[in-house]
C-alpha cells in the first residue's frame, strides 16, 4: 500500500523525499491514536491503543482490531507509524475468527484472548521509548478502572466549588493533564494537585476547545524501565487517592474498602524487563547528606 505524509508535513513538491512507499501493513502490530482521543482525552477505557492491522489496503487509513476492546477501529496511517512486529498469517486468521464469532455474551472471553496477545507482543518487543506509551496506557487504564470506571480513560473529581475536574495521562509526554469547565484558575484544585503530587511542577494553561476552558499540566518523571513504570503508576494511584480523600471522602472510603477486598489491578505484573536493561543509581552530591542510595532498575 502507499503511505503518504499528510499535507501539513511541509514537504515541497520537488523535495528529495516522496513521502510514500509500497508495503502491506496487514498482520502488523501497531500502537495507534484514533479520533476518539479528541472526544475522550486519554482514549476509550476499553481500548489500549495497541492493535493488529486487519485491512491495510487503503493508502491513508487502515482497519485495525484494538487488542484491548477487540473492536474494529479505523486509524490514520499517513504519519509516523511504529510496527512492533507481525502476526503469522495463521495468527491473523485466528484473530479474525475469534472477533467475528463473538456474541454479546462472549465479549469478555474475546477480550481476554486479544489482551493476552497484546501482552505477548509487548513482552517480545520489550520496554523502550517506542513502547513506553502503550505500557503507560495499560497501567493507567488499570488505575481508572479501579477508581472511576466509565467510558473514558480518566479520573473525574467532583469539586467543592462546583463542577468536575477530569484528569488523564498524556502517554507520550508522561504528563498528567487536569481539565476543568471553568475559565478562571481554581485555587482549591491547584493546592490539592500540589499536595497530592508533591515535588512536581504544576503548569496552568488555557484550552481553546469546547471540552474545557482551563487545564493544568503535571509533568511526571519519564520511566526508563518497566519497573520504573510500575513505580510511577503506583505513585499516581496514591496521588489520586489523596485527591479523592480530600474532595470526595465517602467515595474514597468505598474505593478503599473495595480495593482492600479485591486488590488493585496490575496488568503489567506478568511482564518483565529484559536482562540487558542497565541498572542505574542516583548520584548524591558529596555535600548533601543522605541515608542511602536507591537503585533504579
Protein backbone atom coordinates (compact mmCIF):
# COMPACT_ATOMS: atom_id res chain seq x y z
CA UNK A 1 0.00 0.00 0.00
CA UNK A 2 1.04 3.63 -0.36
CA UNK A 3 1.78 5.51 2.82
CA UNK A 4 1.66 9.25 2.20
CA UNK A 5 2.63 12.01 4.60
CA UNK A 6 -0.09 14.49 5.47
CA UNK A 7 -0.32 17.84 3.73
CA UNK A 8 0.83 19.55 6.89
CA UNK A 9 4.15 17.72 6.89
CA UNK A 10 5.78 20.53 4.96
CA UNK A 11 7.25 18.57 2.02
CA UNK A 12 7.86 20.52 -1.16
CA UNK A 13 6.71 19.05 -4.47
CA UNK A 14 10.33 18.86 -5.61
CA UNK A 15 11.68 17.52 -2.29
CA UNK A 16 14.07 14.59 -2.45
CA UNK A 17 11.72 12.54 -0.22
CA UNK A 18 8.46 11.46 -1.80
CA UNK A 19 6.75 10.57 1.48
CA UNK A 20 5.32 7.34 0.04
CA UNK A 21 6.41 3.74 -0.22
CA UNK A 22 4.98 0.34 -1.03
CA UNK A 23 4.37 -2.07 1.85
CA UNK A 24 1.48 -4.13 3.16
CA UNK A 25 0.55 -3.46 6.78
CA UNK A 26 -1.72 -6.48 7.09
CA UNK A 27 -0.78 -8.54 10.19
CA UNK A 28 1.28 -5.66 11.67
CA UNK A 29 1.05 -5.00 15.41
CA UNK A 30 0.98 -1.21 15.80
CA UNK A 31 0.41 1.41 18.51
CA UNK A 32 -2.11 3.95 17.25
CA UNK A 33 -4.15 7.02 18.05
CA UNK A 34 -7.67 7.49 16.74
CA UNK A 35 -10.23 10.29 16.54
CA UNK A 36 -11.79 9.16 19.82
CA UNK A 37 -8.81 10.67 21.67
CA UNK A 38 -10.12 14.14 20.79
CA UNK A 39 -13.55 13.42 22.25
CA UNK A 40 -12.20 11.47 25.23
CA UNK A 41 -8.66 12.65 26.03
CA UNK A 42 -6.77 9.60 27.25
CA UNK A 43 -8.79 7.35 24.96
CA UNK A 44 -11.65 4.93 25.48
CA UNK A 45 -11.40 2.81 28.61
CA UNK A 46 -11.92 -0.41 26.62
CA UNK A 47 -9.04 0.34 24.23
CA UNK A 48 -5.32 0.08 24.91
CA UNK A 49 -4.05 1.83 21.76
CA UNK A 50 -2.29 -1.31 20.50
CA UNK A 51 -3.81 -3.08 17.52
CA UNK A 52 -3.39 -5.56 14.70
CA UNK A 53 -3.97 -4.32 11.16
CA UNK A 54 -6.62 -6.48 9.52
CA UNK A 55 -7.09 -4.40 6.36
CA UNK A 56 -4.35 -2.09 5.16
CA UNK A 57 -5.45 -1.79 1.55
CA UNK A 58 -6.14 1.95 1.78
CA UNK A 59 -3.16 4.28 1.39
CA UNK A 60 -4.23 6.69 4.14
CA UNK A 61 -6.19 4.65 6.69
CA UNK A 62 -6.35 1.12 7.98
CA UNK A 63 -8.84 -1.10 9.72
CA UNK A 64 -7.37 -2.45 12.95
CA UNK A 65 -8.53 -4.57 15.87
CA UNK A 66 -7.70 -2.94 19.18
CA UNK A 67 -6.21 -5.65 21.40
CA UNK A 68 -7.94 -4.26 24.48
CA UNK A 69 -11.51 -3.83 23.30
CA UNK A 70 -11.33 -6.44 20.48
CA UNK A 71 -13.24 -3.93 18.36
CA UNK A 72 -12.54 -2.56 14.90
CA UNK A 73 -11.06 0.92 14.76
CA UNK A 74 -10.19 2.99 11.69
CA UNK A 75 -6.86 4.75 12.08
CA UNK A 76 -4.84 7.27 10.10
CA UNK A 77 -1.60 5.80 8.74
CA UNK A 78 -0.29 8.85 6.89
CA UNK A 79 2.02 9.98 9.68
CA UNK A 80 4.86 8.26 11.52
CA UNK A 81 3.94 4.66 12.28
CA UNK A 82 5.62 2.20 14.66
CA UNK A 83 5.44 -1.51 13.84
CA UNK A 84 6.24 -3.71 16.86
CA UNK A 85 6.01 -6.97 14.94
CA UNK A 86 3.93 -9.15 12.66
CA UNK A 87 1.45 -11.92 13.31
CA UNK A 88 1.81 -15.15 11.39
CA UNK A 89 -0.90 -15.47 8.72
CA UNK A 90 -2.46 -18.22 10.84
CA UNK A 91 -2.47 -15.84 13.81
CA UNK A 92 -4.35 -13.21 11.83
CA UNK A 93 -6.88 -15.82 10.70
CA UNK A 94 -7.39 -16.91 14.32
CA UNK A 95 -7.83 -13.31 15.43
CA UNK A 96 -10.39 -12.59 12.70
CA UNK A 97 -12.28 -15.78 13.50
CA UNK A 98 -12.43 -15.06 17.23
CA UNK A 99 -13.57 -11.45 16.71
CA UNK A 100 -16.14 -12.32 14.03
CA UNK A 101 -17.62 -15.17 16.07
CA UNK A 102 -18.00 -13.09 19.22
CA UNK A 103 -21.54 -12.84 20.58
CA UNK A 104 -22.64 -10.33 23.17
CA UNK A 105 -22.10 -12.86 25.92
CA UNK A 106 -18.62 -13.83 24.70
CA UNK A 107 -17.01 -10.38 24.63
CA UNK A 108 -15.18 -10.98 27.90
CA UNK A 109 -13.57 -14.14 26.55
CA UNK A 110 -12.65 -12.42 23.28
CA UNK A 111 -11.06 -9.51 25.08
CA UNK A 112 -9.13 -11.92 27.25
CA UNK A 113 -7.78 -13.54 24.07
CA UNK A 114 -6.78 -10.26 22.42
CA UNK A 115 -5.29 -8.79 25.60
CA UNK A 116 -3.12 -11.87 26.07
CA UNK A 117 -1.95 -11.33 22.51
CA UNK A 118 -1.11 -7.70 23.38
CA UNK A 119 0.91 -8.67 26.45
CA UNK A 120 2.78 -11.27 24.42
CA UNK A 121 3.64 -8.68 21.76
CA UNK A 122 4.81 -6.17 24.37
CA UNK A 123 6.88 -8.80 26.15
CA UNK A 124 8.59 -9.66 22.86
CA UNK A 125 9.16 -6.02 21.90
CA UNK A 126 10.39 -5.07 25.36
CA UNK A 127 10.20 -1.74 27.16
CA UNK A 128 11.63 1.26 25.34
CA UNK A 129 10.82 4.75 24.03
CA UNK A 130 8.56 3.32 21.30
CA UNK A 131 6.59 1.01 23.61
CA UNK A 132 6.56 3.18 26.75
CA UNK A 133 3.28 4.99 25.84
CA UNK A 134 1.48 1.67 25.46
CA UNK A 135 2.79 0.34 28.79
CA UNK A 136 1.67 3.58 30.44
CA UNK A 137 -1.77 3.44 28.83
CA UNK A 138 -2.38 -0.13 30.01
CA UNK A 139 -1.24 0.69 33.55
CA UNK A 140 -3.22 3.93 33.71
CA UNK A 141 -6.28 2.10 32.41
CA UNK A 142 -5.99 -0.26 35.40
CA UNK A 143 -5.92 2.73 37.71
CA UNK A 144 -9.01 4.30 36.09
CA UNK A 145 -10.94 1.03 36.18
CA UNK A 146 -10.28 0.79 39.91
CA UNK A 147 -11.02 4.42 40.79
CA UNK A 148 -13.54 5.71 38.23
CA UNK A 149 -14.83 3.21 35.70
CA UNK A 150 -16.63 4.97 32.85
CA UNK A 151 -16.24 5.27 29.08
CA UNK A 152 -13.01 7.31 29.19
CA UNK A 153 -9.52 6.56 30.49
CA UNK A 154 -9.52 9.34 33.06
CA UNK A 155 -10.37 10.02 36.71
CA UNK A 156 -13.13 12.52 37.44
CA UNK A 157 -13.18 14.62 40.61
CA UNK A 158 -16.23 16.43 41.97
CA UNK A 159 -15.01 19.84 43.12
CA UNK A 160 -16.43 21.53 46.26
CA UNK A 161 -16.83 24.78 44.33
CA UNK A 162 -18.98 23.00 41.75
CA UNK A 163 -18.13 21.33 38.50
CA UNK A 164 -15.91 18.39 37.68
CA UNK A 165 -12.19 18.09 37.06
CA UNK A 166 -11.13 15.35 34.66
CA UNK A 167 -7.57 14.00 34.87
CA UNK A 168 -5.99 11.95 32.11
CA UNK A 169 -2.44 10.94 31.25
CA UNK A 170 -0.66 12.14 28.14
CA UNK A 171 1.17 8.90 27.38
CA UNK A 172 3.70 10.45 25.01
CA UNK A 173 4.95 13.24 27.27
CA UNK A 174 4.18 11.40 30.55
CA UNK A 175 2.14 14.33 31.82
CA UNK A 176 -0.99 14.31 33.96
CA UNK A 177 -3.48 16.74 32.43
CA UNK A 178 -6.34 18.08 34.55
CA UNK A 179 -9.18 19.77 32.67
CA UNK A 180 -11.97 21.83 34.18
CA UNK A 181 -15.00 23.57 32.76
CA UNK A 182 -14.24 26.90 34.43
CA UNK A 183 -12.48 29.78 32.74
CA UNK A 184 -10.78 31.03 35.92
CA UNK A 185 -8.00 29.39 37.94
CA UNK A 186 -9.26 27.08 40.67
CA UNK A 187 -7.09 27.70 43.72
CA UNK A 188 -8.51 24.76 45.71
CA UNK A 189 -7.72 22.37 42.88
CA UNK A 190 -4.26 23.83 42.39
CA UNK A 191 -3.47 23.41 46.07
CA UNK A 192 -4.81 19.84 46.07
CA UNK A 193 -2.77 18.86 43.00
CA UNK A 194 0.42 20.23 44.55
CA UNK A 195 -0.27 18.37 47.79
CA UNK A 196 -1.16 15.10 46.04
CA UNK A 197 1.88 15.15 43.76
CA UNK A 198 4.39 16.94 45.96
CA UNK A 199 7.63 17.94 44.32
CA UNK A 200 6.19 18.12 40.81
CA UNK A 201 5.88 21.34 38.83
CA UNK A 202 2.29 22.44 38.17
CA UNK A 203 1.67 24.37 34.96
CA UNK A 204 -1.51 26.30 34.21
CA UNK A 205 -2.80 26.98 30.73
CA UNK A 206 -5.98 27.57 28.76
CA UNK A 207 -7.50 25.30 26.14
CA UNK A 208 -9.19 26.62 23.03
CA UNK A 209 -11.76 23.86 22.63
CA UNK A 210 -15.37 23.24 23.69
CA UNK A 211 -14.43 20.46 26.11
CA UNK A 212 -12.51 22.52 28.62
CA UNK A 213 -11.54 26.12 29.32
CA UNK A 214 -8.82 25.56 31.92
CA UNK A 215 -6.07 22.95 32.05
CA UNK A 216 -3.29 22.06 34.47
CA UNK A 217 -0.25 20.03 33.46
CA UNK A 218 1.85 17.96 35.85
CA UNK A 219 4.93 16.61 34.05
CA UNK A 220 5.93 13.30 35.63
CA UNK A 221 9.38 11.65 35.61
CA UNK A 222 9.91 9.65 32.43
CA UNK A 223 10.31 5.96 33.33
CA UNK A 224 13.38 4.19 31.94
CA UNK A 225 12.17 0.63 32.53
CA UNK A 226 9.09 -1.42 33.21
CA UNK A 227 9.93 -1.42 36.92
CA UNK A 228 10.14 2.39 36.81
CA UNK A 229 6.78 2.49 35.05
CA UNK A 230 5.04 0.41 37.69
CA UNK A 231 6.51 2.57 40.47
CA UNK A 232 5.33 5.71 38.69
CA UNK A 233 1.82 4.31 38.24
CA UNK A 234 1.71 3.40 41.92
CA UNK A 235 2.74 6.98 42.76
CA UNK A 236 -0.07 8.30 40.55
CA UNK A 237 -2.57 5.98 42.24
CA UNK A 238 -1.59 7.29 45.67
CA UNK A 239 -1.91 10.84 44.38
CA UNK A 240 -5.42 10.20 43.09
CA UNK A 241 -6.43 8.59 46.37
CA UNK A 242 -5.18 11.72 48.15
CA UNK A 243 -7.37 13.86 45.87
CA UNK A 244 -10.41 11.65 46.43
CA UNK A 245 -9.91 11.70 50.20
CA UNK A 246 -9.84 15.49 50.06
CA UNK A 247 -12.71 16.15 47.65
CA UNK A 248 -14.93 13.06 47.96
CA UNK A 249 -14.25 11.31 51.30
CA UNK A 250 -17.25 8.95 51.08
CA UNK A 251 -16.22 7.76 47.64
CA UNK A 252 -12.65 7.38 48.86
CA UNK A 253 -13.73 5.14 51.75
CA UNK A 254 -15.83 2.98 49.44
CA UNK A 255 -12.96 2.56 46.97
CA UNK A 256 -10.51 1.81 49.79
CA UNK A 257 -12.76 -0.96 51.10
CA UNK A 258 -13.33 -2.34 47.60
CA UNK A 259 -9.67 -2.48 46.60
CA UNK A 260 -8.81 -3.80 50.06
CA UNK A 261 -11.12 -6.74 49.37
CA UNK A 262 -10.50 -7.35 45.66
CA UNK A 263 -6.99 -5.96 45.31
CA UNK A 264 -5.66 -3.48 42.76
CA UNK A 265 -5.47 -4.19 39.05
CA UNK A 266 -1.91 -4.62 37.75
CA UNK A 267 -1.93 -5.88 34.17
CA UNK A 268 1.82 -5.22 33.86
CA UNK A 269 2.68 -7.61 36.68
CA UNK A 270 3.27 -10.56 34.36
CA UNK A 271 5.75 -8.64 32.16
CA UNK A 272 9.45 -8.40 32.91
CA UNK A 273 12.26 -6.07 31.98
CA UNK A 274 14.88 -7.51 29.67
CA UNK A 275 18.08 -8.62 31.35
CA UNK A 276 20.12 -6.19 29.25
CA UNK A 277 18.36 -3.12 30.74
CA UNK A 278 21.14 -1.23 32.58
CA UNK A 279 20.77 -0.65 36.30
CA UNK A 280 21.18 2.92 37.48
CA UNK A 281 21.66 4.56 40.83
CA UNK A 282 21.04 8.12 41.97
CA UNK A 283 24.20 10.18 42.36
CA UNK A 284 24.21 12.12 45.63
CA UNK A 285 26.47 15.22 45.75
CA UNK A 286 29.23 14.93 48.32
CA UNK A 287 27.97 17.96 50.28
CA UNK A 288 24.47 16.52 50.65
CA UNK A 289 23.73 14.08 53.43
CA UNK A 290 21.73 11.02 52.51
CA UNK A 291 20.59 7.93 54.31
CA UNK A 292 21.45 5.81 51.31
CA UNK A 293 21.27 5.44 47.57
CA UNK A 294 18.34 3.71 45.96
CA UNK A 295 18.98 1.82 42.76
CA UNK A 296 16.71 2.26 39.80
CA UNK A 297 16.02 -0.89 37.77
